[in-house]
């Protein structure tokens, strides 16, 4: 699968606006669009060390498949893409960049776990926390979502909340690394604790 390493992770269900200007990634988009046998998809992984531009980066082996929803091409050949995360992936092997990153990947669905009887209540409680924390962030002049709409699917709902919450790239990446929905909920709760503490300190 063609791969696009970025300085931040993409969560399933989240939107990804992307400005493609490097020649190698322009070639990647052209190849994706020319393949009529596959959906217009590429993998997104977070860069753990290094930079987005120029290569020589250390890449995570866990990421998300992104599907292109819309695209505009500028006169000089740059692409402005709108993509959405559709499912989690795990890199089996990185292949040589030729000219853009490519990897053998496999889908990584959540590990099976017993259905939690209070799952909907836990998700609703976290949604309320995200609304409250975002309100404080807006009060302090930060850009934060004021409408927390989430999926009815609990797996995607938790990813939506992770994308909407004012947490950092490392915390979002921890959500991707969580093997189960229960562990992801716990990781998001911890990240929200940290975000709320920082915002309250700034407000005091």
C-alpha atoms as a PDB file:
ATOM      1  CA  UNK A   1       0.000   0.000   0.000  1.00  0.00           C
ATOM      2  CA  UNK A   2       1.249   3.530  -0.739  1.00  0.00           C
ATOM      3  CA  UNK A   3       2.062   5.227   2.558  1.00  0.00           C
ATOM      4  CA  UNK A   4       2.025   8.866   3.663  1.00  0.00           C
ATOM      5  CA  UNK A   5       3.955   9.408   6.920  1.00  0.00           C
ATOM      6  CA  UNK A   6       2.828  12.536   8.787  1.00  0.00           C
ATOM      7  CA  UNK A   7       3.743  14.339  11.977  1.00  0.00           C
ATOM      8  CA  UNK A   8       0.403  13.379  13.512  1.00  0.00           C
ATOM      9  CA  UNK A   9      -1.767  10.253  13.408  1.00  0.00           C
ATOM     10  CA  UNK A  10      -5.046   9.867  11.564  1.00  0.00           C
ATOM     11  CA  UNK A  11      -7.819   8.147  13.506  1.00  0.00           C
ATOM     12  CA  UNK A  12     -10.522   6.053  11.803  1.00  0.00           C
ATOM     13  CA  UNK A  13     -13.554   8.225  11.156  1.00  0.00           C
ATOM     14  CA  UNK A  14     -11.538  11.465  11.224  1.00  0.00           C
ATOM     15  CA  UNK A  15     -11.150  13.809   8.267  1.00  0.00           C
ATOM     16  CA  UNK A  16      -7.716  14.540   6.816  1.00  0.00           C
ATOM     17  CA  UNK A  17      -7.145  17.659   4.716  1.00  0.00           C
ATOM     18  CA  UNK A  18      -3.849  17.195   2.924  1.00  0.00           C
ATOM     19  CA  UNK A  19      -1.735  19.489   0.774  1.00  0.00           C
ATOM     20  CA  UNK A  20       0.456  17.376  -1.510  1.00  0.00           C
ATOM     21  CA  UNK A  21       3.384  19.315  -2.958  1.00  0.00           C
ATOM     22  CA  UNK A  22       6.429  16.999  -2.859  1.00  0.00           C
ATOM     23  CA  UNK A  23       7.076  15.419  -6.252  1.00  0.00           C
ATOM     24  CA  UNK A  24       7.216  11.871  -4.884  1.00  0.00           C
ATOM     25  CA  UNK A  25       3.806  12.214  -3.225  1.00  0.00           C
ATOM     26  CA  UNK A  26       2.313  13.790  -6.336  1.00  0.00           C
ATOM     27  CA  UNK A  27       3.436  10.633  -8.123  1.00  0.00           C
ATOM     28  CA  UNK A  28       1.822   8.559  -5.364  1.00  0.00           C
ATOM     29  CA  UNK A  29      -1.540  10.281  -5.819  1.00  0.00           C
ATOM     30  CA  UNK A  30      -1.324   9.893  -9.587  1.00  0.00           C
ATOM     31  CA  UNK A  31      -0.654   6.157  -9.209  1.00  0.00           C
ATOM     32  CA  UNK A  32      -3.533   5.734  -6.746  1.00  0.00           C
ATOM     33  CA  UNK A  33      -5.987   7.508  -9.043  1.00  0.00           C
ATOM     34  CA  UNK A  34      -4.797   5.543 -12.081  1.00  0.00           C
ATOM     35  CA  UNK A  35      -5.587   2.172 -10.434  1.00  0.00           C
ATOM     36  CA  UNK A  36      -9.211   1.451 -11.325  1.00  0.00           C
ATOM     37  CA  UNK A  37      -9.156  -1.919  -9.549  1.00  0.00           C
ATOM     38  CA  UNK A  38      -8.766  -0.531  -6.030  1.00  0.00           C
ATOM     39  CA  UNK A  39     -10.397   2.197  -3.941  1.00  0.00           C
ATOM     40  CA  UNK A  40      -8.419   5.468  -3.842  1.00  0.00           C
ATOM     41  CA  UNK A  41      -6.668   4.673  -0.551  1.00  0.00           C
ATOM     42  CA  UNK A  42      -3.288   5.105   1.083  1.00  0.00           C
ATOM     43  CA  UNK A  43      -1.880   4.446   4.526  1.00  0.00           C
ATOM     44  CA  UNK A  44      -1.118   7.141   7.091  1.00  0.00           C
ATOM     45  CA  UNK A  45       1.380   6.518   9.878  1.00  0.00           C
ATOM     46  CA  UNK A  46       2.858   8.924  12.392  1.00  0.00           C
ATOM     47  CA  UNK A  47       6.498   9.944  12.103  1.00  0.00           C
ATOM     48  CA  UNK A  48       8.121   9.111  15.436  1.00  0.00           C
ATOM     49  CA  UNK A  49      11.416  10.858  14.627  1.00  0.00           C
ATOM     50  CA  UNK A  50      12.373  13.076  11.716  1.00  0.00           C
ATOM     51  CA  UNK A  51      10.394  15.260   9.323  1.00  0.00           C
ATOM     52  CA  UNK A  52       7.532  14.993   6.878  1.00  0.00           C
ATOM     53  CA  UNK A  53       9.476  16.612   4.043  1.00  0.00           C
ATOM     54  CA  UNK A  54      12.519  14.990   2.481  1.00  0.00           C
ATOM     55  CA  UNK A  55      12.452  11.496   4.008  1.00  0.00           C
ATOM     56  CA  UNK A  56      14.946  10.109   6.554  1.00  0.00           C
ATOM     57  CA  UNK A  57      12.161   9.635   9.077  1.00  0.00           C
ATOM     58  CA  UNK A  58      11.410   6.917  11.630  1.00  0.00           C
ATOM     59  CA  UNK A  59       7.848   5.716  11.076  1.00  0.00           C
ATOM     60  CA  UNK A  60       5.334   3.989  13.282  1.00  0.00           C
ATOM     61  CA  UNK A  61       4.208   0.508  12.281  1.00  0.00           C
ATOM     62  CA  UNK A  62       0.583   1.236  13.231  1.00  0.00           C
ATOM     63  CA  UNK A  63      -1.616   3.621  11.311  1.00  0.00           C
ATOM     64  CA  UNK A  64      -4.846   4.125   9.415  1.00  0.00           C
ATOM     65  CA  UNK A  65      -6.055   3.582   5.885  1.00  0.00           C
ATOM     66  CA  UNK A  66      -7.174   6.903   4.380  1.00  0.00           C
ATOM     67  CA  UNK A  67      -9.690   7.059   1.526  1.00  0.00           C
ATOM     68  CA  UNK A  68      -9.736  10.056  -0.801  1.00  0.00           C
ATOM     69  CA  UNK A  69     -13.131  11.786  -0.805  1.00  0.00           C
ATOM     70  CA  UNK A  70     -12.417  14.912  -2.815  1.00  0.00           C
ATOM     71  CA  UNK A  71      -9.495  16.440  -4.661  1.00  0.00           C
ATOM     72  CA  UNK A  72      -8.438  19.618  -6.409  1.00  0.00           C
ATOM     73  CA  UNK A  73      -5.365  20.066  -8.600  1.00  0.00           C
ATOM     74  CA  UNK A  74      -3.582  23.410  -8.833  1.00  0.00           C
ATOM     75  CA  UNK A  75      -2.085  24.631 -12.130  1.00  0.00           C
ATOM     76  CA  UNK A  76       1.429  23.760 -10.911  1.00  0.00           C
ATOM     77  CA  UNK A  77       0.424  20.152 -10.129  1.00  0.00           C
ATOM     78  CA  UNK A  78      -0.087  20.307  -6.376  1.00  0.00           C
ATOM     79  CA  UNK A  79      -3.018  18.399  -4.890  1.00  0.00           C
ATOM     80  CA  UNK A  80      -5.448  19.511  -2.208  1.00  0.00           C
ATOM     81  CA  UNK A  81      -7.069  16.366  -0.852  1.00  0.00           C
ATOM     82  CA  UNK A  82      -9.869  15.621   1.547  1.00  0.00           C
ATOM     83  CA  UNK A  83      -9.591  12.081   2.905  1.00  0.00           C
ATOM     84  CA  UNK A  84     -11.147  10.119   5.749  1.00  0.00           C
ATOM     85  CA  UNK A  85      -9.707   7.418   7.982  1.00  0.00           C
ATOM     86  CA  UNK A  86     -11.550   4.162   7.313  1.00  0.00           C
ATOM     87  CA  UNK A  87      -9.776   1.404   9.285  1.00  0.00           C
ATOM     88  CA  UNK A  88      -6.705   0.673  11.353  1.00  0.00           C
ATOM     89  CA  UNK A  89      -3.666  -0.973   9.786  1.00  0.00           C
ATOM     90  CA  UNK A  90      -0.457  -2.604  10.907  1.00  0.00           C
ATOM     91  CA  UNK A  91       2.717  -2.533   8.820  1.00  0.00           C
ATOM     92  CA  UNK A  92       4.092  -6.004   8.140  1.00  0.00           C
ATOM     93  CA  UNK A  93       7.163  -4.761   6.269  1.00  0.00           C
ATOM     94  CA  UNK A  94       8.416  -1.459   4.924  1.00  0.00           C
ATOM     95  CA  UNK A  95       9.535  -1.704   1.299  1.00  0.00           C
ATOM     96  CA  UNK A  96      12.080   0.569  -0.416  1.00  0.00           C
ATOM     97  CA  UNK A  97      10.814   4.077  -1.192  1.00  0.00           C
ATOM     98  CA  UNK A  98      10.578   4.110  -4.990  1.00  0.00           C
ATOM     99  CA  UNK A  99       9.988   7.015  -5.132  1.00  0.00           C
ATOM    100  CA  UNK A 100       7.410   7.248  -2.318  1.00  0.00           C
ATOM    101  CA  UNK A 101       6.971   5.086   0.806  1.00  0.00           C
ATOM    102  CA  UNK A 102       5.309   1.693   0.295  1.00  0.00           C
ATOM    103  CA  UNK A 103       4.598  -1.068   2.806  1.00  0.00           C
ATOM    104  CA  UNK A 104       3.054  -4.494   3.052  1.00  0.00           C
ATOM    105  CA  UNK A 105       0.178  -3.932   5.474  1.00  0.00           C
ATOM    106  CA  UNK A 106      -2.648  -5.842   7.104  1.00  0.00           C
ATOM    107  CA  UNK A 107      -5.886  -4.625   8.629  1.00  0.00           C
ATOM    108  CA  UNK A 108      -5.803  -4.552  12.420  1.00  0.00           C
ATOM    109  CA  UNK A 109      -9.328  -4.824  13.840  1.00  0.00           C
ATOM    110  CA  UNK A 110      -9.852  -4.650  17.580  1.00  0.00           C
ATOM    111  CA  UNK A 111      -9.135  -7.786  19.574  1.00  0.00           C
ATOM    112  CA  UNK A 112     -12.229  -9.598  20.799  1.00  0.00           C
ATOM    113  CA  UNK A 113     -13.379  -8.705  24.302  1.00  0.00           C
ATOM    114  CA  UNK A 114     -16.555  -9.345  26.293  1.00  0.00           C
ATOM    115  CA  UNK A 115     -19.280  -6.800  25.655  1.00  0.00           C
ATOM    116  CA  UNK A 116     -19.301  -4.262  28.481  1.00  0.00           C
ATOM    117  CA  UNK A 117     -22.825  -3.717  29.827  1.00  0.00           C
ATOM    118  CA  UNK A 118     -22.095  -0.049  30.554  1.00  0.00           C
ATOM    119  CA  UNK A 119     -20.343   0.724  27.246  1.00  0.00           C
ATOM    120  CA  UNK A 120     -22.896   3.255  25.984  1.00  0.00           C
ATOM    121  CA  UNK A 121     -22.859   5.045  29.343  1.00  0.00           C
ATOM    122  CA  UNK A 122     -19.048   5.225  29.348  1.00  0.00           C
ATOM    123  CA  UNK A 123     -18.988   6.650  25.836  1.00  0.00           C
ATOM    124  CA  UNK A 124     -21.700   9.186  26.724  1.00  0.00           C
ATOM    125  CA  UNK A 125     -19.719  10.258  29.793  1.00  0.00           C
ATOM    126  CA  UNK A 126     -16.563  10.772  27.744  1.00  0.00           C
ATOM    127  CA  UNK A 127     -18.547  12.715  25.138  1.00  0.00           C
ATOM    128  CA  UNK A 128     -19.743  15.037  27.917  1.00  0.00           C
ATOM    129  CA  UNK A 129     -16.162  15.447  29.137  1.00  0.00           C
ATOM    130  CA  UNK A 130     -14.965  16.331  25.648  1.00  0.00           C
ATOM    131  CA  UNK A 131     -17.704  18.967  25.349  1.00  0.00           C
ATOM    132  CA  UNK A 132     -16.737  20.484  28.700  1.00  0.00           C
ATOM    133  CA  UNK A 133     -13.001  20.478  27.991  1.00  0.00           C
ATOM    134  CA  UNK A 134     -13.518  21.934  24.511  1.00  0.00           C
ATOM    135  CA  UNK A 135     -15.615  24.721  26.032  1.00  0.00           C
ATOM    136  CA  UNK A 136     -12.723  25.636  28.342  1.00  0.00           C
ATOM    137  CA  UNK A 137     -10.309  25.515  25.406  1.00  0.00           C
ATOM    138  CA  UNK A 138     -12.504  27.914  23.415  1.00  0.00           C
ATOM    139  CA  UNK A 139     -12.738  30.184  26.455  1.00  0.00           C
ATOM    140  CA  UNK A 140      -8.933  30.373  26.398  1.00  0.00           C
ATOM    141  CA  UNK A 141      -8.921  31.261  22.712  1.00  0.00           C
ATOM    142  CA  UNK A 142      -8.025  27.864  21.289  1.00  0.00           C
ATOM    143  CA  UNK A 143      -9.735  26.319  18.291  1.00  0.00           C
ATOM    144  CA  UNK A 144     -11.946  23.490  19.549  1.00  0.00           C
ATOM    145  CA  UNK A 145     -15.063  21.774  18.244  1.00  0.00           C
ATOM    146  CA  UNK A 146     -18.302  23.106  19.696  1.00  0.00           C
ATOM    147  CA  UNK A 147     -20.467  20.317  18.275  1.00  0.00           C
ATOM    148  CA  UNK A 148     -19.443  16.812  19.328  1.00  0.00           C
ATOM    149  CA  UNK A 149     -21.199  14.516  16.859  1.00  0.00           C
ATOM    150  CA  UNK A 150     -20.114  10.877  17.029  1.00  0.00           C
ATOM    151  CA  UNK A 151     -20.953   7.606  15.318  1.00  0.00           C
ATOM    152  CA  UNK A 152     -23.460   5.084  16.632  1.00  0.00           C
ATOM    153  CA  UNK A 153     -20.737   2.446  16.201  1.00  0.00           C
ATOM    154  CA  UNK A 154     -18.896   2.402  19.559  1.00  0.00           C
ATOM    155  CA  UNK A 155     -15.477   1.717  17.987  1.00  0.00           C
ATOM    156  CA  UNK A 156     -15.751   4.665  15.590  1.00  0.00           C
ATOM    157  CA  UNK A 157     -17.407   6.795  18.289  1.00  0.00           C
ATOM    158  CA  UNK A 158     -14.339   6.548  20.534  1.00  0.00           C
ATOM    159  CA  UNK A 159     -12.076   7.423  17.620  1.00  0.00           C
ATOM    160  CA  UNK A 160     -14.329  10.401  16.846  1.00  0.00           C
ATOM    161  CA  UNK A 161     -14.001  11.586  20.434  1.00  0.00           C
ATOM    162  CA  UNK A 162     -10.236  11.214  20.269  1.00  0.00           C
ATOM    163  CA  UNK A 163     -10.160  13.338  17.118  1.00  0.00           C
ATOM    164  CA  UNK A 164     -12.445  16.019  18.588  1.00  0.00           C
ATOM    165  CA  UNK A 165     -10.743  16.292  21.980  1.00  0.00           C
ATOM    166  CA  UNK A 166      -7.914  18.820  22.549  1.00  0.00           C
ATOM    167  CA  UNK A 167      -5.239  16.167  23.051  1.00  0.00           C
ATOM    168  CA  UNK A 168      -1.844  15.838  21.421  1.00  0.00           C
ATOM    169  CA  UNK A 169      -0.537  13.647  18.629  1.00  0.00           C
ATOM    170  CA  UNK A 170       1.131  11.207  21.029  1.00  0.00           C
ATOM    171  CA  UNK A 171      -2.117  10.689  22.949  1.00  0.00           C
ATOM    172  CA  UNK A 172      -4.022  10.097  19.717  1.00  0.00           C
ATOM    173  CA  UNK A 173      -1.389   7.620  18.628  1.00  0.00           C
ATOM    174  CA  UNK A 174      -1.874   5.743  21.920  1.00  0.00           C
ATOM    175  CA  UNK A 175      -5.526   5.315  20.958  1.00  0.00           C
ATOM    176  CA  UNK A 176      -4.437   3.617  17.737  1.00  0.00           C
ATOM    177  CA  UNK A 177      -2.073   1.342  19.656  1.00  0.00           C
ATOM    178  CA  UNK A 178      -4.754   0.153  22.102  1.00  0.00           C
ATOM    179  CA  UNK A 179      -5.626  -3.472  21.183  1.00  0.00           C
ATOM    180  CA  UNK A 180      -9.204  -3.312  22.475  1.00  0.00           C
ATOM    181  CA  UNK A 181     -12.010  -0.814  22.777  1.00  0.00           C
ATOM    182  CA  UNK A 182     -11.867  -1.009  26.580  1.00  0.00           C
ATOM    183  CA  UNK A 183      -8.163  -0.146  26.622  1.00  0.00           C
ATOM    184  CA  UNK A 184      -8.796   2.686  24.158  1.00  0.00           C
ATOM    185  CA  UNK A 185     -11.499   4.142  26.414  1.00  0.00           C
ATOM    186  CA  UNK A 186      -9.107   4.033  29.364  1.00  0.00           C
ATOM    187  CA  UNK A 187      -6.346   5.703  27.316  1.00  0.00           C
ATOM    188  CA  UNK A 188      -8.732   8.450  26.196  1.00  0.00           C
ATOM    189  CA  UNK A 189      -9.893   9.010  29.783  1.00  0.00           C
ATOM    190  CA  UNK A 190      -6.262   9.451  30.881  1.00  0.00           C
ATOM    191  CA  UNK A 191      -5.553  11.863  28.018  1.00  0.00           C
ATOM    192  CA  UNK A 192      -8.619  13.926  28.919  1.00  0.00           C
ATOM    193  CA  UNK A 193      -7.458  14.082  32.553  1.00  0.00           C
ATOM    194  CA  UNK A 194      -4.161  15.577  31.394  1.00  0.00           C
ATOM    195  CA  UNK A 195      -5.831  17.999  28.947  1.00  0.00           C
ATOM    196  CA  UNK A 196      -8.293  19.200  31.601  1.00  0.00           C
ATOM    197  CA  UNK A 197      -5.509  19.737  34.139  1.00  0.00           C
ATOM    198  CA  UNK A 198      -3.466  21.822  31.693  1.00  0.00           C
ATOM    199  CA  UNK A 199      -6.459  23.959  30.711  1.00  0.00           C
ATOM    200  CA  UNK A 200      -7.507  24.518  34.317  1.00  0.00           C
ATOM    201  CA  UNK A 201      -3.962  25.578  35.200  1.00  0.00           C
ATOM    202  CA  UNK A 202      -3.979  28.087  32.330  1.00  0.00           C
ATOM    203  CA  UNK A 203      -7.378  29.416  33.382  1.00  0.00           C
ATOM    204  CA  UNK A 204      -6.422  29.847  37.063  1.00  0.00           C
END
